[in-house]
């Protein structure tokens, strides 16, 4: 029951938070991450960091920004899930 209440609260919070970065354009690092996730949606933060040449914390920040902008979404669990890239790279 507590889990259901928490899920409801989380859903309500997500619906009330407006998109903070509606007109933002991806920078070079964000574009690299978007391309990598398009090619392999199951990449982990550590794998992304190695491929882009950044730290894990840097990738964590980029992923947070891209999620806030609505460019990517995580589907499934942290262990077995994958990324859905919603940003059109062919703009």
PDB file of N, CA and C in Angstrom:
ATOM      1  N   UNK A   1       0.819  -1.191   0.000  1.00  0.00           N
ATOM      2  CA  UNK A   1       0.000   0.000   0.000  1.00  0.00           C
ATOM      3  C   UNK A   1       0.863   1.256   0.000  1.00  0.00           C
ATOM      4  N   UNK A   2       1.929   1.219   0.790  1.00  0.00           N
ATOM      5  CA  UNK A   2       2.830   2.361   0.824  1.00  0.00           C
ATOM      6  C   UNK A   2       3.482   2.586  -0.535  1.00  0.00           C
ATOM      7  N   UNK A   3       3.823   1.495  -1.214  1.00  0.00           N
ATOM      8  CA  UNK A   3       4.412   1.607  -2.549  1.00  0.00           C
ATOM      9  C   UNK A   3       3.446   2.264  -3.530  1.00  0.00           C
ATOM     10  N   UNK A   4       2.165   1.939  -3.427  1.00  0.00           N
ATOM     11  CA  UNK A   4       1.164   2.540  -4.316  1.00  0.00           C
ATOM     12  C   UNK A   4       1.049   4.032  -4.070  1.00  0.00           C
ATOM     13  N   UNK A   5       1.098   4.430  -2.810  1.00  0.00           N
ATOM     14  CA  UNK A   5       1.020   5.858  -2.468  1.00  0.00           C
ATOM     15  C   UNK A   5       2.239   6.587  -3.016  1.00  0.00           C
ATOM     16  N   UNK A   6       3.431   5.986  -2.851  1.00  0.00           N
ATOM     17  CA  UNK A   6       4.654   6.603  -3.364  1.00  0.00           C
ATOM     18  C   UNK A   6       4.617   6.736  -4.883  1.00  0.00           C
ATOM     19  N   UNK A   7       4.140   5.710  -5.566  1.00  0.00           N
ATOM     20  CA  UNK A   7       4.047   5.776  -7.027  1.00  0.00           C
ATOM     21  C   UNK A   7       3.096   6.876  -7.465  1.00  0.00           C
ATOM     22  N   UNK A   8       1.984   7.014  -6.765  1.00  0.00           N
ATOM     23  CA  UNK A   8       1.016   8.063  -7.089  1.00  0.00           C
ATOM     24  C   UNK A   8       1.628   9.440  -6.887  1.00  0.00           C
ATOM     25  N   UNK A   9       2.344   9.614  -5.767  1.00  0.00           N
ATOM     26  CA  UNK A   9       2.995  10.900  -5.501  1.00  0.00           C
ATOM     27  C   UNK A   9       4.048  11.220  -6.550  1.00  0.00           C
ATOM     28  N   UNK A  10       4.858  10.216  -6.921  1.00  0.00           N
ATOM     29  CA  UNK A  10       5.882  10.426  -7.937  1.00  0.00           C
ATOM     30  C   UNK A  10       5.261  10.799  -9.273  1.00  0.00           C
ATOM     31  N   UNK A  11       4.171  10.145  -9.621  1.00  0.00           N
ATOM     32  CA  UNK A  11       3.494  10.440 -10.882  1.00  0.00           C
ATOM     33  C   UNK A  11       2.959  11.867 -10.875  1.00  0.00           C
ATOM     34  N   UNK A  12       2.356  12.282  -9.758  1.00  0.00           N
ATOM     35  CA  UNK A  12       1.825  13.637  -9.648  1.00  0.00           C
ATOM     36  C   UNK A  12       2.925  14.682  -9.734  1.00  0.00           C
ATOM     37  N   UNK A  13       4.062  14.394  -9.110  1.00  0.00           N
ATOM     38  CA  UNK A  13       5.182  15.339  -9.155  1.00  0.00           C
ATOM     39  C   UNK A  13       5.684  15.485 -10.584  1.00  0.00           C
ATOM     40  N   UNK A  14       5.835  14.380 -11.306  1.00  0.00           N
ATOM     41  CA  UNK A  14       6.319  14.430 -12.683  1.00  0.00           C
ATOM     42  C   UNK A  14       5.366  15.208 -13.576  1.00  0.00           C
ATOM     43  N   UNK A  15       4.066  15.067 -13.346  1.00  0.00           N
ATOM     44  CA  UNK A  15       3.090  15.751 -14.184  1.00  0.00           C
ATOM     45  C   UNK A  15       3.067  17.251 -13.920  1.00  0.00           C
ATOM     46  N   UNK A  16       3.425  17.677 -12.696  1.00  0.00           N
ATOM     47  CA  UNK A  16       3.361  19.086 -12.342  1.00  0.00           C
ATOM     48  C   UNK A  16       4.632  19.845 -12.681  1.00  0.00           C
ATOM     49  N   UNK A  17       5.739  19.146 -12.898  1.00  0.00           N
ATOM     50  CA  UNK A  17       7.007  19.810 -13.198  1.00  0.00           C
ATOM     51  C   UNK A  17       7.059  20.114 -14.689  1.00  0.00           C
ATOM     52  N   UNK A  18       7.110  21.388 -15.062  1.00  0.00           N
ATOM     53  CA  UNK A  18       7.165  21.716 -16.487  1.00  0.00           C
ATOM     54  C   UNK A  18       8.519  21.377 -17.078  1.00  0.00           C
ATOM     55  N   UNK A  19       8.562  21.242 -18.368  1.00  0.00           N
ATOM     56  CA  UNK A  19       9.811  20.988 -19.067  1.00  0.00           C
ATOM     57  C   UNK A  19      10.701  22.214 -18.894  1.00  0.00           C
ATOM     58  N   UNK A  20      11.834  22.049 -18.232  1.00  0.00           N
ATOM     59  CA  UNK A  20      12.704  23.170 -17.902  1.00  0.00           C
ATOM     60  C   UNK A  20      13.496  23.680 -19.107  1.00  0.00           C
ATOM     61  N   UNK A  21      13.714  22.823 -20.076  1.00  0.00           N
ATOM     62  CA  UNK A  21      14.594  23.179 -21.194  1.00  0.00           C
ATOM     63  C   UNK A  21      13.904  22.962 -22.529  1.00  0.00           C
ATOM     64  N   UNK A  22      12.789  23.633 -22.806  1.00  0.00           N
ATOM     65  CA  UNK A  22      12.026  23.313 -24.013  1.00  0.00           C
ATOM     66  C   UNK A  22      12.735  23.649 -25.321  1.00  0.00           C
ATOM     67  N   UNK A  23      13.554  24.691 -25.351  1.00  0.00           N
ATOM     68  CA  UNK A  23      14.170  25.122 -26.609  1.00  0.00           C
ATOM     69  C   UNK A  23      15.673  24.893 -26.638  1.00  0.00           C
ATOM     70  N   UNK A  24      16.177  24.110 -25.722  1.00  0.00           N
ATOM     71  CA  UNK A  24      17.608  23.868 -25.640  1.00  0.00           C
ATOM     72  C   UNK A  24      18.069  23.011 -26.822  1.00  0.00           C
ATOM     73  N   UNK A  25      19.259  23.295 -27.283  1.00  0.00           N
ATOM     74  CA  UNK A  25      19.878  22.523 -28.362  1.00  0.00           C
ATOM     75  C   UNK A  25      21.025  21.732 -27.741  1.00  0.00           C
ATOM     76  N   UNK A  26      21.182  20.457 -28.104  1.00  0.00           N
ATOM     77  CA  UNK A  26      22.239  19.652 -27.488  1.00  0.00           C
ATOM     78  C   UNK A  26      23.637  20.160 -27.823  1.00  0.00           C
ATOM     79  N   UNK A  27      24.509  20.125 -26.803  1.00  0.00           N
ATOM     80  CA  UNK A  27      25.908  20.479 -27.051  1.00  0.00           C
ATOM     81  C   UNK A  27      26.640  19.251 -27.593  1.00  0.00           C
ATOM     82  N   UNK A  28      27.934  19.385 -27.802  1.00  0.00           N
ATOM     83  CA  UNK A  28      28.723  18.328 -28.426  1.00  0.00           C
ATOM     84  C   UNK A  28      28.696  17.021 -27.617  1.00  0.00           C
ATOM     85  N   UNK A  29      28.847  17.119 -26.310  1.00  0.00           N
ATOM     86  CA  UNK A  29      28.836  15.921 -25.458  1.00  0.00           C
ATOM     87  C   UNK A  29      27.463  15.269 -25.452  1.00  0.00           C
ATOM     88  N   UNK A  30      26.422  16.084 -25.377  1.00  0.00           N
ATOM     89  CA  UNK A  30      25.059  15.545 -25.386  1.00  0.00           C
ATOM     90  C   UNK A  30      24.751  14.851 -26.706  1.00  0.00           C
ATOM     91  N   UNK A  31      25.200  15.432 -27.810  1.00  0.00           N
ATOM     92  CA  UNK A  31      25.005  14.795 -29.113  1.00  0.00           C
ATOM     93  C   UNK A  31      25.715  13.447 -29.187  1.00  0.00           C
ATOM     94  N   UNK A  32      26.917  13.384 -28.626  1.00  0.00           N
ATOM     95  CA  UNK A  32      27.660  12.116 -28.614  1.00  0.00           C
ATOM     96  C   UNK A  32      26.891  11.055 -27.840  1.00  0.00           C
ATOM     97  N   UNK A  33      26.371  11.439 -26.682  1.00  0.00           N
ATOM     98  CA  UNK A  33      25.612  10.490 -25.859  1.00  0.00           C
ATOM     99  C   UNK A  33      24.333  10.072 -26.575  1.00  0.00           C
ATOM    100  N   UNK A  34      23.643  11.026 -27.192  1.00  0.00           N
ATOM    101  CA  UNK A  34      22.415  10.698 -27.931  1.00  0.00           C
ATOM    102  C   UNK A  34      22.696   9.715 -29.059  1.00  0.00           C
ATOM    103  N   UNK A  35      23.771   9.928 -29.789  1.00  0.00           N
ATOM    104  CA  UNK A  35      24.122   9.011 -30.890  1.00  0.00           C
ATOM    105  C   UNK A  35      24.444   7.614 -30.366  1.00  0.00           C
ATOM    106  N   UNK A  36      25.223   7.572 -29.272  1.00  0.00           N
ATOM    107  CA  UNK A  36      25.577   6.269 -28.698  1.00  0.00           C
ATOM    108  C   UNK A  36      24.342   5.529 -28.200  1.00  0.00           C
ATOM    109  N   UNK A  37      23.428   6.248 -27.557  1.00  0.00           N
ATOM    110  CA  UNK A  37      22.212   5.607 -27.049  1.00  0.00           C
ATOM    111  C   UNK A  37      21.278   5.201 -28.181  1.00  0.00           C
ATOM    112  N   UNK A  38      21.325   5.918 -29.283  1.00  0.00           N
ATOM    113  CA  UNK A  38      20.525   5.530 -30.446  1.00  0.00           C
ATOM    114  C   UNK A  38      21.045   4.212 -31.010  1.00  0.00           C
ATOM    115  N   UNK A  39      22.365   4.076 -31.068  1.00  0.00           N
ATOM    116  CA  UNK A  39      22.982   2.853 -31.593  1.00  0.00           C
ATOM    117  C   UNK A  39      22.835   1.672 -30.636  1.00  0.00           C
ATOM    118  N   UNK A  40      22.956   1.936 -29.322  1.00  0.00           N
ATOM    119  CA  UNK A  40      22.872   0.860 -28.330  1.00  0.00           C
ATOM    120  C   UNK A  40      22.142   1.384 -27.091  1.00  0.00           C
ATOM    121  N   UNK A  41      20.832   1.225 -27.011  1.00  0.00           N
ATOM    122  CA  UNK A  41      20.049   1.773 -25.906  1.00  0.00           C
ATOM    123  C   UNK A  41      20.313   1.134 -24.543  1.00  0.00           C
ATOM    124  N   UNK A  42      21.066   0.056 -24.512  1.00  0.00           N
ATOM    125  CA  UNK A  42      21.323  -0.626 -23.244  1.00  0.00           C
ATOM    126  C   UNK A  42      22.671  -0.244 -22.623  1.00  0.00           C
ATOM    127  N   UNK A  43      23.334   0.776 -23.148  1.00  0.00           N
ATOM    128  CA  UNK A  43      24.608   1.210 -22.586  1.00  0.00           C
ATOM    129  C   UNK A  43      24.424   1.733 -21.165  1.00  0.00           C
ATOM    130  N   UNK A  44      25.398   1.441 -20.315  1.00  0.00           N
ATOM    131  CA  UNK A  44      25.372   1.942 -18.947  1.00  0.00           C
ATOM    132  C   UNK A  44      26.085   3.290 -18.892  1.00  0.00           C
ATOM    133  N   UNK A  45      25.949   3.989 -17.754  1.00  0.00           N
ATOM    134  CA  UNK A  45      26.646   5.266 -17.589  1.00  0.00           C
ATOM    135  C   UNK A  45      28.158   5.084 -17.679  1.00  0.00           C
ATOM    136  N   UNK A  46      28.656   4.001 -17.108  1.00  0.00           N
ATOM    137  CA  UNK A  46      30.103   3.752 -17.129  1.00  0.00           C
ATOM    138  C   UNK A  46      30.578   3.523 -18.559  1.00  0.00           C
ATOM    139  N   UNK A  47      29.825   2.751 -19.322  1.00  0.00           N
ATOM    140  CA  UNK A  47      30.189   2.510 -20.722  1.00  0.00           C
ATOM    141  C   UNK A  47      30.127   3.812 -21.525  1.00  0.00           C
ATOM    142  N   UNK A  48      29.103   4.618 -21.285  1.00  0.00           N
ATOM    143  CA  UNK A  48      29.005   5.908 -21.972  1.00  0.00           C
ATOM    144  C   UNK A  48      30.194   6.793 -21.620  1.00  0.00           C
ATOM    145  N   UNK A  49      30.558   6.819 -20.339  1.00  0.00           N
ATOM    146  CA  UNK A  49      31.683   7.650 -19.894  1.00  0.00           C
ATOM    147  C   UNK A  49      32.972   7.244 -20.597  1.00  0.00           C
ATOM    148  N   UNK A  50      33.196   5.944 -20.728  1.00  0.00           N
ATOM    149  CA  UNK A  50      34.405   5.456 -21.402  1.00  0.00           C
ATOM    150  C   UNK A  50      34.408   5.844 -22.874  1.00  0.00           C
ATOM    151  N   UNK A  51      33.266   5.703 -23.532  1.00  0.00           N
ATOM    152  CA  UNK A  51      33.190   5.987 -24.965  1.00  0.00           C
ATOM    153  C   UNK A  51      33.282   7.477 -25.277  1.00  0.00           C
ATOM    154  N   UNK A  52      32.722   8.315 -24.396  1.00  0.00           N
ATOM    155  CA  UNK A  52      32.727   9.764 -24.632  1.00  0.00           C
ATOM    156  C   UNK A  52      33.998  10.409 -24.084  1.00  0.00           C
ATOM    157  N   UNK A  53      34.663   9.735 -23.134  1.00  0.00           N
ATOM    158  CA  UNK A  53      35.865  10.296 -22.535  1.00  0.00           C
ATOM    159  C   UNK A  53      35.540  11.259 -21.407  1.00  0.00           C
ATOM    160  N   UNK A  54      34.513  10.942 -20.645  1.00  0.00           N
ATOM    161  CA  UNK A  54      34.097  11.766 -19.513  1.00  0.00           C
ATOM    162  C   UNK A  54      34.056  10.906 -18.261  1.00  0.00           C
ATOM    163  N   UNK A  55      33.781  11.563 -17.132  1.00  0.00           N
ATOM    164  CA  UNK A  55      33.607  10.826 -15.888  1.00  0.00           C
ATOM    165  C   UNK A  55      32.174  10.325 -15.782  1.00  0.00           C
ATOM    166  N   UNK A  56      31.974   9.379 -14.886  1.00  0.00           N
ATOM    167  CA  UNK A  56      30.638   8.858 -14.628  1.00  0.00           C
ATOM    168  C   UNK A  56      29.715   9.982 -14.143  1.00  0.00           C
ATOM    169  N   UNK A  57      30.236  10.862 -13.295  1.00  0.00           N
ATOM    170  CA  UNK A  57      29.418  11.974 -12.799  1.00  0.00           C
ATOM    171  C   UNK A  57      29.056  12.954 -13.915  1.00  0.00           C
ATOM    172  N   UNK A  58      29.956  13.152 -14.860  1.00  0.00           N
ATOM    173  CA  UNK A  58      29.658  14.019 -16.000  1.00  0.00           C
ATOM    174  C   UNK A  58      28.528  13.449 -16.840  1.00  0.00           C
ATOM    175  N   UNK A  59      28.569  12.148 -17.074  1.00  0.00           N
ATOM    176  CA  UNK A  59      27.503  11.485 -17.836  1.00  0.00           C
ATOM    177  C   UNK A  59      26.195  11.536 -17.063  1.00  0.00           C
ATOM    178  N   UNK A  60      26.278  11.368 -15.745  1.00  0.00           N
ATOM    179  CA  UNK A  60      25.075  11.437 -14.907  1.00  0.00           C
ATOM    180  C   UNK A  60      24.401  12.805 -15.056  1.00  0.00           C
ATOM    181  N   UNK A  61      25.191  13.857 -15.081  1.00  0.00           N
ATOM    182  CA  UNK A  61      24.648  15.210 -15.242  1.00  0.00           C
ATOM    183  C   UNK A  61      24.023  15.391 -16.621  1.00  0.00           C
ATOM    184  N   UNK A  62      24.718  14.916 -17.648  1.00  0.00           N
ATOM    185  CA  UNK A  62      24.206  15.019 -19.021  1.00  0.00           C
ATOM    186  C   UNK A  62      22.891  14.253 -19.152  1.00  0.00           C
ATOM    187  N   UNK A  63      22.835  13.048 -18.608  1.00  0.00           N
ATOM    188  CA  UNK A  63      21.613  12.250 -18.683  1.00  0.00           C
ATOM    189  C   UNK A  63      20.468  12.970 -17.963  1.00  0.00           C
ATOM    190  N   UNK A  64      20.771  13.547 -16.805  1.00  0.00           N
ATOM    191  CA  UNK A  64      19.745  14.298 -16.078  1.00  0.00           C
ATOM    192  C   UNK A  64      19.208  15.466 -16.882  1.00  0.00           C
ATOM    193  N   UNK A  65      20.111  16.198 -17.544  1.00  0.00           N
ATOM    194  CA  UNK A  65      19.694  17.331 -18.382  1.00  0.00           C
ATOM    195  C   UNK A  65      18.854  16.865 -19.567  1.00  0.00           C
ATOM    196  N   UNK A  66      19.263  15.761 -20.176  1.00  0.00           N
ATOM    197  CA  UNK A  66      18.539  15.263 -21.343  1.00  0.00           C
ATOM    198  C   UNK A  66      17.178  14.698 -20.952  1.00  0.00           C
ATOM    199  N   UNK A  67      17.078  14.074 -19.780  1.00  0.00           N
ATOM    200  CA  UNK A  67      15.786  13.606 -19.296  1.00  0.00           C
ATOM    201  C   UNK A  67      14.867  14.793 -19.017  1.00  0.00           C
ATOM    202  N   UNK A  68      15.418  15.860 -18.409  1.00  0.00           N
ATOM    203  CA  UNK A  68      14.620  17.054 -18.111  1.00  0.00           C
ATOM    204  C   UNK A  68      14.135  17.730 -19.389  1.00  0.00           C
ATOM    205  N   UNK A  69      14.962  17.666 -20.438  1.00  0.00           N
ATOM    206  CA  UNK A  69      14.585  18.273 -21.717  1.00  0.00           C
ATOM    207  C   UNK A  69      13.619  17.393 -22.505  1.00  0.00           C
ATOM    208  N   UNK A  70      13.441  16.148 -22.058  1.00  0.00           N
ATOM    209  CA  UNK A  70      12.533  15.239 -22.754  1.00  0.00           C
ATOM    210  C   UNK A  70      13.165  14.557 -23.951  1.00  0.00           C
ATOM    211  N   UNK A  71      14.481  14.557 -24.018  1.00  0.00           N
ATOM    212  CA  UNK A  71      15.183  13.954 -25.151  1.00  0.00           C
ATOM    213  C   UNK A  71      15.329  12.451 -25.002  1.00  0.00           C
ATOM    214  N   UNK A  72      15.413  11.967 -23.761  1.00  0.00           N
ATOM    215  CA  UNK A  72      15.557  10.535 -23.509  1.00  0.00           C
ATOM    216  C   UNK A  72      14.625  10.130 -22.376  1.00  0.00           C
ATOM    217  N   UNK A  73      14.328   8.841 -22.330  1.00  0.00           N
ATOM    218  CA  UNK A  73      13.497   8.296 -21.266  1.00  0.00           C
ATOM    219  C   UNK A  73      14.001   6.896 -20.944  1.00  0.00           C
ATOM    220  N   UNK A  74      14.029   6.560 -19.683  1.00  0.00           N
ATOM    221  CA  UNK A  74      14.455   5.227 -19.250  1.00  0.00           C
ATOM    222  C   UNK A  74      13.241   4.322 -19.176  1.00  0.00           C
ATOM    223  N   UNK A  75      13.323   3.186 -19.819  1.00  0.00           N
ATOM    224  CA  UNK A  75      12.255   2.192 -19.800  1.00  0.00           C
ATOM    225  C   UNK A  75      12.769   0.963 -19.059  1.00  0.00           C
ATOM    226  N   UNK A  76      11.962   0.438 -18.171  1.00  0.00           N
ATOM    227  CA  UNK A  76      12.352  -0.752 -17.431  1.00  0.00           C
ATOM    228  C   UNK A  76      13.187  -0.420 -16.219  1.00  0.00           C
ATOM    229  N   UNK A  77      13.800  -1.431 -15.658  1.00  0.00           N
ATOM    230  CA  UNK A  77      14.567  -1.269 -14.423  1.00  0.00           C
ATOM    231  C   UNK A  77      15.967  -0.738 -14.711  1.00  0.00           C
ATOM    232  N   UNK A  78      16.653  -0.346 -13.647  1.00  0.00           N
ATOM    233  CA  UNK A  78      18.024   0.128 -13.797  1.00  0.00           C
ATOM    234  C   UNK A  78      18.944  -0.976 -14.303  1.00  0.00           C
ATOM    235  N   UNK A  79      18.670  -2.202 -13.927  1.00  0.00           N
ATOM    236  CA  UNK A  79      19.545  -3.314 -14.297  1.00  0.00           C
ATOM    237  C   UNK A  79      19.264  -3.845 -15.702  1.00  0.00           C
ATOM    238  N   UNK A  80      18.001  -4.030 -16.034  1.00  0.00           N
ATOM    239  CA  UNK A  80      17.678  -4.667 -17.312  1.00  0.00           C
ATOM    240  C   UNK A  80      16.967  -3.732 -18.286  1.00  0.00           C
ATOM    241  N   UNK A  81      16.846  -2.462 -17.935  1.00  0.00           N
ATOM    242  CA  UNK A  81      16.127  -1.516 -18.782  1.00  0.00           C
ATOM    243  C   UNK A  81      16.952  -1.009 -19.950  1.00  0.00           C
ATOM    244  N   UNK A  82      16.387  -0.039 -20.652  1.00  0.00           N
ATOM    245  CA  UNK A  82      17.047   0.541 -21.818  1.00  0.00           C
ATOM    246  C   UNK A  82      16.605   1.994 -21.973  1.00  0.00           C
ATOM    247  N   UNK A  83      17.305   2.722 -22.812  1.00  0.00           N
ATOM    248  CA  UNK A  83      17.004   4.126 -23.068  1.00  0.00           C
ATOM    249  C   UNK A  83      16.205   4.270 -24.363  1.00  0.00           C
ATOM    250  N   UNK A  84      15.247   5.162 -24.341  1.00  0.00           N
ATOM    251  CA  UNK A  84      14.499   5.520 -25.538  1.00  0.00           C
ATOM    252  C   UNK A  84      14.905   6.948 -25.882  1.00  0.00           C
ATOM    253  N   UNK A  85      15.483   7.127 -27.061  1.00  0.00           N
ATOM    254  CA  UNK A  85      15.902   8.455 -27.511  1.00  0.00           C
ATOM    255  C   UNK A  85      14.731   9.093 -28.242  1.00  0.00           C
ATOM    256  N   UNK A  86      14.271  10.209 -27.722  1.00  0.00           N
ATOM    257  CA  UNK A  86      13.138  10.910 -28.317  1.00  0.00           C
ATOM    258  C   UNK A  86      13.565  12.112 -29.152  1.00  0.00           C
ATOM    259  N   UNK A  87      14.837  12.487 -29.042  1.00  0.00           N
ATOM    260  CA  UNK A  87      15.348  13.634 -29.792  1.00  0.00           C
ATOM    261  C   UNK A  87      15.660  13.199 -31.224  1.00  0.00           C
ATOM    262  N   UNK A  88      15.210  13.981 -32.177  1.00  0.00           N
ATOM    263  CA  UNK A  88      15.455  13.682 -33.580  1.00  0.00           C
ATOM    264  C   UNK A  88      16.845  14.189 -33.961  1.00  0.00           C
ATOM    265  N   UNK A  89      17.761  13.265 -34.184  1.00  0.00           N
ATOM    266  CA  UNK A  89      19.131  13.644 -34.537  1.00  0.00           C
ATOM    267  C   UNK A  89      19.261  14.197 -35.948  1.00  0.00           C
ATOM    268  N   UNK A  90      18.233  14.066 -36.747  1.00  0.00           N
ATOM    269  CA  UNK A  90      18.276  14.512 -38.144  1.00  0.00           C
ATOM    270  C   UNK A  90      17.688  15.907 -38.326  1.00  0.00           C
ATOM    271  N   UNK A  91      17.692  16.702 -37.297  1.00  0.00           N
ATOM    272  CA  UNK A  91      17.133  18.058 -37.414  1.00  0.00           C
ATOM    273  C   UNK A  91      17.985  18.934 -38.268  1.00  0.00           C
TER     274      UNK A  91
END
